[in-house]
Structure formats: C-alpha cells, structure tokens
C-alpha cells in the first residue's frame, strides 16, 4: 500500500468531511425541535442558547458544503 492510499476506500479526508457536514446539518435540524420545546415551556433563555448552537451548526454546514463543492470540482477536472 502506498503512502497516498487510505487504509479504507471509505475512510479518507473527503469521507471525514462528508461525515462532519452531515453531523453539522443534522444538529442544526435537531436544534429546531429543542428551540420549539424550550419556547413551549416558556424558557426563552434556553431557546436562545439553542438558536446560537443552531447558527454555529448552520455556519459549519455552509463551510463544509463549500469545501466539499471545491473538492468535487477538483476531482471532476482531473
């Protein structure tokens, strides 16, 4: 096995990127439920905290999509 061949065809830097991207977007989606639960219980402080987490997860998701798009473009032009 060469130094550039990953140990598994599925586990490489792009696989890791896709995993983190998926986790970020899933977390942002989950936060919406938590926000609604907190608001229903009248806990605006907790709802706001969940919104901040959701914002950070969406930001990470957007960044991950840009990174993935760039890598797919690079692979397509090879």
PDB file of N, CA and C in Angstrom:
ATOM      1  N   UNK A   1       0.849  -1.183   0.000  1.00  0.00           N
ATOM      2  CA  UNK A   1       0.000   0.000   0.000  1.00  0.00           C
ATOM      3  C   UNK A   1       0.889   1.238   0.000  1.00  0.00           C
ATOM      4  N   UNK A   2       0.600   2.167  -0.887  1.00  0.00           N
ATOM      5  CA  UNK A   2       1.419   3.373  -0.969  1.00  0.00           C
ATOM      6  C   UNK A   2       1.044   4.353   0.138  1.00  0.00           C
ATOM      7  N   UNK A   3       1.870   5.358   0.327  1.00  0.00           N
ATOM      8  CA  UNK A   3       1.646   6.362   1.371  1.00  0.00           C
ATOM      9  C   UNK A   3       0.402   7.197   1.088  1.00  0.00           C
ATOM     10  N   UNK A   4      -0.043   7.270  -0.164  1.00  0.00           N
ATOM     11  CA  UNK A   4      -1.208   8.096  -0.500  1.00  0.00           C
ATOM     12  C   UNK A   4      -2.515   7.305  -0.518  1.00  0.00           C
ATOM     13  N   UNK A   5      -2.458   5.983  -0.372  1.00  0.00           N
ATOM     14  CA  UNK A   5      -3.663   5.168  -0.388  1.00  0.00           C
ATOM     15  C   UNK A   5      -4.236   5.078   1.019  1.00  0.00           C
ATOM     16  N   UNK A   6      -5.503   5.469   1.197  1.00  0.00           N
ATOM     17  CA  UNK A   6      -6.092   5.365   2.537  1.00  0.00           C
ATOM     18  C   UNK A   6      -6.233   3.912   2.963  1.00  0.00           C
ATOM     19  N   UNK A   7      -6.281   3.668   4.267  1.00  0.00           N
ATOM     20  CA  UNK A   7      -6.414   2.315   4.798  1.00  0.00           C
ATOM     21  C   UNK A   7      -7.725   1.685   4.335  1.00  0.00           C
ATOM     22  N   UNK A   8      -8.741   2.492   4.127  1.00  0.00           N
ATOM     23  CA  UNK A   8     -10.025   2.030   3.653  1.00  0.00           C
ATOM     24  C   UNK A   8     -10.469   2.942   2.521  1.00  0.00           C
ATOM     25  N   UNK A   9     -11.125   2.368   1.553  1.00  0.00           N
ATOM     26  CA  UNK A   9     -11.618   3.190   0.436  1.00  0.00           C
ATOM     27  C   UNK A   9     -12.677   4.183   0.905  1.00  0.00           C
ATOM     28  N   UNK A  10     -13.297   3.912   2.042  1.00  0.00           N
ATOM     29  CA  UNK A  10     -14.346   4.798   2.545  1.00  0.00           C
ATOM     30  C   UNK A  10     -13.847   5.820   3.556  1.00  0.00           C
ATOM     31  N   UNK A  11     -12.752   5.536   4.229  1.00  0.00           N
ATOM     32  CA  UNK A  11     -12.278   6.450   5.264  1.00  0.00           C
ATOM     33  C   UNK A  11     -11.080   7.234   4.753  1.00  0.00           C
ATOM     34  N   UNK A  12     -11.354   8.414   4.290  1.00  0.00           N
ATOM     35  CA  UNK A  12     -10.306   9.330   3.886  1.00  0.00           C
ATOM     36  C   UNK A  12     -10.758  10.732   4.254  1.00  0.00           C
ATOM     37  N   UNK A  13      -9.997  11.728   3.881  1.00  0.00           N
ATOM     38  CA  UNK A  13     -10.314  13.097   4.287  1.00  0.00           C
ATOM     39  C   UNK A  13     -11.671  13.548   3.753  1.00  0.00           C
ATOM     40  N   UNK A  14     -12.034  13.132   2.553  1.00  0.00           N
ATOM     41  CA  UNK A  14     -13.325  13.539   1.999  1.00  0.00           C
ATOM     42  C   UNK A  14     -14.477  12.821   2.702  1.00  0.00           C
ATOM     43  N   UNK A  15     -14.271  11.571   3.052  1.00  0.00           N
ATOM     44  CA  UNK A  15     -15.269  10.837   3.844  1.00  0.00           C
ATOM     45  C   UNK A  15     -15.481  11.557   5.174  1.00  0.00           C
ATOM     46  N   UNK A  16     -14.402  11.943   5.821  1.00  0.00           N
ATOM     47  CA  UNK A  16     -14.497  12.659   7.095  1.00  0.00           C
ATOM     48  C   UNK A  16     -15.229  13.987   6.921  1.00  0.00           C
ATOM     49  N   UNK A  17     -14.949  14.684   5.842  1.00  0.00           N
ATOM     50  CA  UNK A  17     -15.624  15.952   5.557  1.00  0.00           C
ATOM     51  C   UNK A  17     -17.126  15.725   5.426  1.00  0.00           C
ATOM     52  N   UNK A  18     -17.515  14.705   4.674  1.00  0.00           N
ATOM     53  CA  UNK A  18     -18.938  14.408   4.493  1.00  0.00           C
ATOM     54  C   UNK A  18     -19.582  14.055   5.830  1.00  0.00           C
ATOM     55  N   UNK A  19     -18.894  13.295   6.667  1.00  0.00           N
ATOM     56  CA  UNK A  19     -19.430  12.921   7.987  1.00  0.00           C
ATOM     57  C   UNK A  19     -19.661  14.145   8.871  1.00  0.00           C
ATOM     58  N   UNK A  20     -18.698  15.044   8.895  1.00  0.00           N
ATOM     59  CA  UNK A  20     -18.838  16.253   9.725  1.00  0.00           C
ATOM     60  C   UNK A  20     -19.910  17.178   9.149  1.00  0.00           C
ATOM     61  N   UNK A  21     -19.979  17.277   7.834  1.00  0.00           N
ATOM     62  CA  UNK A  21     -21.017  18.072   7.191  1.00  0.00           C
ATOM     63  C   UNK A  21     -22.395  17.540   7.569  1.00  0.00           C
ATOM     64  N   UNK A  22     -22.570  16.245   7.467  1.00  0.00           N
ATOM     65  CA  UNK A  22     -23.857  15.631   7.809  1.00  0.00           C
ATOM     66  C   UNK A  22     -24.192  15.855   9.277  1.00  0.00           C
ATOM     67  N   UNK A  23     -23.217  15.692  10.158  1.00  0.00           N
ATOM     68  CA  UNK A  23     -23.448  15.887  11.592  1.00  0.00           C
ATOM     69  C   UNK A  23     -23.826  17.339  11.899  1.00  0.00           C
ATOM     70  N   UNK A  24     -23.182  18.279  11.240  1.00  0.00           N
ATOM     71  CA  UNK A  24     -23.485  19.702  11.460  1.00  0.00           C
ATOM     72  C   UNK A  24     -24.910  20.025  11.039  1.00  0.00           C
ATOM     73  N   UNK A  25     -25.305  19.553   9.868  1.00  0.00           N
ATOM     74  CA  UNK A  25     -26.647  19.844   9.375  1.00  0.00           C
ATOM     75  C   UNK A  25     -27.714  19.112  10.185  1.00  0.00           C
ATOM     76  N   UNK A  26     -27.425  17.888  10.596  1.00  0.00           N
ATOM     77  CA  UNK A  26     -28.362  17.145  11.445  1.00  0.00           C
ATOM     78  C   UNK A  26     -28.530  17.861  12.786  1.00  0.00           C
ATOM     79  N   UNK A  27     -27.439  18.359  13.347  1.00  0.00           N
ATOM     80  CA  UNK A  27     -27.500  19.078  14.617  1.00  0.00           C
ATOM     81  C   UNK A  27     -28.339  20.348  14.482  1.00  0.00           C
ATOM     82  N   UNK A  28     -28.150  21.078  13.395  1.00  0.00           N
ATOM     83  CA  UNK A  28     -28.937  22.297  13.164  1.00  0.00           C
ATOM     84  C   UNK A  28     -30.419  21.954  13.082  1.00  0.00           C
ATOM     85  N   UNK A  29     -30.747  20.871  12.421  1.00  0.00           N
ATOM     86  CA  UNK A  29     -32.130  20.427  12.292  1.00  0.00           C
ATOM     87  C   UNK A  29     -32.695  20.041  13.661  1.00  0.00           C
ATOM     88  N   UNK A  30     -31.923  19.313  14.460  1.00  0.00           N
ATOM     89  CA  UNK A  30     -32.358  18.910  15.800  1.00  0.00           C
ATOM     90  C   UNK A  30     -32.590  20.118  16.697  1.00  0.00           C
ATOM     91  N   UNK A  31     -31.749  21.119  16.572  1.00  0.00           N
ATOM     92  CA  UNK A  31     -31.882  22.311  17.411  1.00  0.00           C
ATOM     93  C   UNK A  31     -33.247  22.966  17.242  1.00  0.00           C
ATOM     94  N   UNK A  32     -33.824  22.889  16.041  1.00  0.00           N
ATOM     95  CA  UNK A  32     -35.135  23.491  15.821  1.00  0.00           C
ATOM     96  C   UNK A  32     -36.173  22.872  16.753  1.00  0.00           C
ATOM     97  N   UNK A  33     -36.133  21.570  16.922  1.00  0.00           N
ATOM     98  CA  UNK A  33     -37.043  20.888  17.845  1.00  0.00           C
ATOM     99  C   UNK A  33     -36.799  21.350  19.271  1.00  0.00           C
ATOM    100  N   UNK A  34     -35.538  21.463  19.643  1.00  0.00           N
ATOM    101  CA  UNK A  34     -35.204  21.881  21.008  1.00  0.00           C
ATOM    102  C   UNK A  34     -35.638  23.320  21.266  1.00  0.00           C
ATOM    103  N   UNK A  35     -35.484  24.173  20.252  1.00  0.00           N
ATOM    104  CA  UNK A  35     -35.932  25.564  20.369  1.00  0.00           C
ATOM    105  C   UNK A  35     -37.436  25.603  20.613  1.00  0.00           C
ATOM    106  N   UNK A  36     -38.169  24.853  19.805  1.00  0.00           N
ATOM    107  CA  UNK A  36     -39.620  24.826  19.944  1.00  0.00           C
ATOM    108  C   UNK A  36     -40.042  24.273  21.301  1.00  0.00           C
ATOM    109  N   UNK A  37     -39.355  23.240  21.781  1.00  0.00           N
ATOM    110  CA  UNK A  37     -39.656  22.679  23.105  1.00  0.00           C
ATOM    111  C   UNK A  37     -39.429  23.711  24.200  1.00  0.00           C
ATOM    112  N   UNK A  38     -38.298  24.409  24.126  1.00  0.00           N
ATOM    113  CA  UNK A  38     -37.978  25.415  25.147  1.00  0.00           C
ATOM    114  C   UNK A  38     -38.993  26.553  25.114  1.00  0.00           C
ATOM    115  N   UNK A  39     -39.364  26.996  23.914  1.00  0.00           N
ATOM    116  CA  UNK A  39     -40.354  28.074  23.797  1.00  0.00           C
ATOM    117  C   UNK A  39     -41.711  27.638  24.332  1.00  0.00           C
ATOM    118  N   UNK A  40     -42.093  26.396  24.053  1.00  0.00           N
ATOM    119  CA  UNK A  40     -43.369  25.885  24.541  1.00  0.00           C
ATOM    120  C   UNK A  40     -43.395  25.865  26.072  1.00  0.00           C
ATOM    121  N   UNK A  41     -42.228  25.618  26.677  1.00  0.00           N
ATOM    122  CA  UNK A  41     -42.110  25.603  28.136  1.00  0.00           C
ATOM    123  C   UNK A  41     -41.879  26.997  28.721  1.00  0.00           C
ATOM    124  N   UNK A  42     -41.781  27.996  27.847  1.00  0.00           N
ATOM    125  CA  UNK A  42     -41.601  29.366  28.304  1.00  0.00           C
ATOM    126  C   UNK A  42     -40.183  29.715  28.731  1.00  0.00           C
ATOM    127  N   UNK A  43     -39.194  28.939  28.261  1.00  0.00           N
ATOM    128  CA  UNK A  43     -37.794  29.179  28.642  1.00  0.00           C
ATOM    129  C   UNK A  43     -37.069  29.856  27.479  1.00  0.00           C
ATOM    130  N   UNK A  44     -37.200  31.171  27.408  1.00  0.00           N
ATOM    131  CA  UNK A  44     -36.601  31.913  26.300  1.00  0.00           C
ATOM    132  C   UNK A  44     -35.076  31.909  26.361  1.00  0.00           C
ATOM    133  N   UNK A  45     -34.514  31.849  27.564  1.00  0.00           N
ATOM    134  CA  UNK A  45     -33.050  31.802  27.694  1.00  0.00           C
ATOM    135  C   UNK A  45     -32.499  30.532  27.047  1.00  0.00           C
ATOM    136  N   UNK A  46     -33.130  29.409  27.339  1.00  0.00           N
ATOM    137  CA  UNK A  46     -32.679  28.146  26.760  1.00  0.00           C
ATOM    138  C   UNK A  46     -32.913  28.129  25.247  1.00  0.00           C
ATOM    139  N   UNK A  47     -34.052  28.656  24.811  1.00  0.00           N
ATOM    140  CA  UNK A  47     -34.333  28.712  23.374  1.00  0.00           C
ATOM    141  C   UNK A  47     -33.270  29.535  22.647  1.00  0.00           C
ATOM    142  N   UNK A  48     -32.867  30.652  23.240  1.00  0.00           N
ATOM    143  CA  UNK A  48     -31.834  31.491  22.631  1.00  0.00           C
ATOM    144  C   UNK A  48     -30.499  30.761  22.564  1.00  0.00           C
ATOM    145  N   UNK A  49     -30.172  30.021  23.602  1.00  0.00           N
ATOM    146  CA  UNK A  49     -28.928  29.245  23.607  1.00  0.00           C
ATOM    147  C   UNK A  49     -28.946  28.206  22.482  1.00  0.00           C
ATOM    148  N   UNK A  50     -30.090  27.527  22.323  1.00  0.00           N
ATOM    149  CA  UNK A  50     -30.224  26.560  21.232  1.00  0.00           C
ATOM    150  C   UNK A  50     -30.108  27.256  19.874  1.00  0.00           C
ATOM    151  N   UNK A  51     -30.631  28.469  19.750  1.00  0.00           N
ATOM    152  CA  UNK A  51     -30.505  29.213  18.491  1.00  0.00           C
ATOM    153  C   UNK A  51     -29.048  29.514  18.157  1.00  0.00           C
ATOM    154  N   UNK A  52     -28.270  29.841  19.171  1.00  0.00           N
ATOM    155  CA  UNK A  52     -26.840  30.101  18.945  1.00  0.00           C
ATOM    156  C   UNK A  52     -26.139  28.842  18.453  1.00  0.00           C
ATOM    157  N   UNK A  53     -26.470  27.718  19.058  1.00  0.00           N
ATOM    158  CA  UNK A  53     -25.882  26.444  18.627  1.00  0.00           C
ATOM    159  C   UNK A  53     -26.311  26.138  17.193  1.00  0.00           C
ATOM    160  N   UNK A  54     -27.592  26.358  16.913  1.00  0.00           N
ATOM    161  CA  UNK A  54     -28.113  26.124  15.567  1.00  0.00           C
ATOM    162  C   UNK A  54     -27.380  27.002  14.554  1.00  0.00           C
ATOM    163  N   UNK A  55     -27.188  28.259  14.891  1.00  0.00           N
ATOM    164  CA  UNK A  55     -26.472  29.175  13.998  1.00  0.00           C
ATOM    165  C   UNK A  55     -25.061  28.663  13.715  1.00  0.00           C
ATOM    166  N   UNK A  56     -24.356  28.237  14.759  1.00  0.00           N
ATOM    167  CA  UNK A  56     -22.995  27.722  14.570  1.00  0.00           C
ATOM    168  C   UNK A  56     -22.981  26.451  13.727  1.00  0.00           C
ATOM    169  N   UNK A  57     -23.958  25.588  13.928  1.00  0.00           N
ATOM    170  CA  UNK A  57     -24.038  24.359  13.141  1.00  0.00           C
ATOM    171  C   UNK A  57     -24.336  24.666  11.679  1.00  0.00           C
ATOM    172  N   UNK A  58     -25.233  25.622  11.436  1.00  0.00           N
ATOM    173  CA  UNK A  58     -25.524  26.014  10.052  1.00  0.00           C
ATOM    174  C   UNK A  58     -24.306  26.638   9.384  1.00  0.00           C
ATOM    175  N   UNK A  59     -23.581  27.437  10.141  1.00  0.00           N
ATOM    176  CA  UNK A  59     -22.353  28.048   9.599  1.00  0.00           C
ATOM    177  C   UNK A  59     -21.340  26.958   9.241  1.00  0.00           C
ATOM    178  N   UNK A  60     -21.170  25.993  10.138  1.00  0.00           N
ATOM    179  CA  UNK A  60     -20.254  24.881   9.849  1.00  0.00           C
ATOM    180  C   UNK A  60     -20.748  24.080   8.648  1.00  0.00           C
ATOM    181  N   UNK A  61     -22.062  23.892   8.546  1.00  0.00           N
ATOM    182  CA  UNK A  61     -22.620  23.182   7.400  1.00  0.00           C
ATOM    183  C   UNK A  61     -22.361  23.913   6.097  1.00  0.00           C
ATOM    184  N   UNK A  62     -22.554  25.218   6.090  1.00  0.00           N
ATOM    185  CA  UNK A  62     -22.283  26.006   4.890  1.00  0.00           C
ATOM    186  C   UNK A  62     -20.808  25.933   4.492  1.00  0.00           C
ATOM    187  N   UNK A  63     -19.931  26.036   5.480  1.00  0.00           N
ATOM    188  CA  UNK A  63     -18.499  25.940   5.197  1.00  0.00           C
ATOM    189  C   UNK A  63     -18.149  24.555   4.661  1.00  0.00           C
ATOM    190  N   UNK A  64     -18.746  23.528   5.257  1.00  0.00           N
ATOM    191  CA  UNK A  64     -18.495  22.160   4.798  1.00  0.00           C
ATOM    192  C   UNK A  64     -18.969  21.945   3.374  1.00  0.00           C
ATOM    193  N   UNK A  65     -20.131  22.511   3.031  1.00  0.00           N
ATOM    194  CA  UNK A  65     -20.633  22.383   1.661  1.00  0.00           C
ATOM    195  C   UNK A  65     -19.686  23.058   0.680  1.00  0.00           C
ATOM    196  N   UNK A  66     -19.151  24.220   1.053  1.00  0.00           N
ATOM    197  CA  UNK A  66     -18.206  24.910   0.168  1.00  0.00           C
ATOM    198  C   UNK A  66     -16.941  24.071  -0.021  1.00  0.00           C
ATOM    199  N   UNK A  67     -16.441  23.505   1.080  1.00  0.00           N
ATOM    200  CA  UNK A  67     -15.242  22.669   0.975  1.00  0.00           C
ATOM    201  C   UNK A  67     -15.503  21.443   0.111  1.00  0.00           C
ATOM    202  N   UNK A  68     -16.646  20.806   0.302  1.00  0.00           N
ATOM    203  CA  UNK A  68     -16.977  19.618  -0.483  1.00  0.00           C
ATOM    204  C   UNK A  68     -17.133  19.971  -1.954  1.00  0.00           C
ATOM    205  N   UNK A  69     -17.826  21.074  -2.219  1.00  0.00           N
ATOM    206  CA  UNK A  69     -18.021  21.517  -3.606  1.00  0.00           C
ATOM    207  C   UNK A  69     -16.666  21.732  -4.295  1.00  0.00           C
ATOM    208  N   UNK A  70     -15.746  22.390  -3.615  1.00  0.00           N
ATOM    209  CA  UNK A  70     -14.424  22.655  -4.190  1.00  0.00           C
ATOM    210  C   UNK A  70     -13.684  21.356  -4.473  1.00  0.00           C
ATOM    211  N   UNK A  71     -13.788  20.403  -3.563  1.00  0.00           N
ATOM    212  CA  UNK A  71     -13.103  19.139  -3.760  1.00  0.00           C
ATOM    213  C   UNK A  71     -13.724  18.330  -4.888  1.00  0.00           C
ATOM    214  N   UNK A  72     -15.039  18.369  -5.009  1.00  0.00           N
ATOM    215  CA  UNK A  72     -15.694  17.671  -6.107  1.00  0.00           C
ATOM    216  C   UNK A  72     -15.335  18.296  -7.433  1.00  0.00           C
ATOM    217  N   UNK A  73     -15.250  19.636  -7.456  1.00  0.00           N
ATOM    218  CA  UNK A  73     -14.826  20.334  -8.673  1.00  0.00           C
ATOM    219  C   UNK A  73     -13.404  19.942  -9.061  1.00  0.00           C
ATOM    220  N   UNK A  74     -12.514  19.845  -8.069  1.00  0.00           N
ATOM    221  CA  UNK A  74     -11.127  19.445  -8.337  1.00  0.00           C
ATOM    222  C   UNK A  74     -11.073  18.040  -8.898  1.00  0.00           C
ATOM    223  N   UNK A  75     -11.834  17.130  -8.306  1.00  0.00           N
ATOM    224  CA  UNK A  75     -11.839  15.739  -8.781  1.00  0.00           C
ATOM    225  C   UNK A  75     -12.414  15.629 -10.193  1.00  0.00           C
ATOM    226  N   UNK A  76     -13.390  16.481 -10.496  1.00  0.00           N
ATOM    227  CA  UNK A  76     -14.000  16.466 -11.814  1.00  0.00           C
ATOM    228  C   UNK A  76     -13.111  17.013 -12.904  1.00  0.00           C
ATOM    229  N   UNK A  77     -12.171  17.871 -12.532  1.00  0.00           N
ATOM    230  CA  UNK A  77     -11.306  18.466 -13.544  1.00  0.00           C
ATOM    231  C   UNK A  77     -10.028  17.665 -13.738  1.00  0.00           C
ATOM    232  N   UNK A  78      -9.853  16.618 -12.969  1.00  0.00           N
ATOM    233  CA  UNK A  78      -8.633  15.795 -13.085  1.00  0.00           C
ATOM    234  C   UNK A  78      -8.688  14.880 -14.287  1.00  0.00           C
TER     235      UNK A  78
END
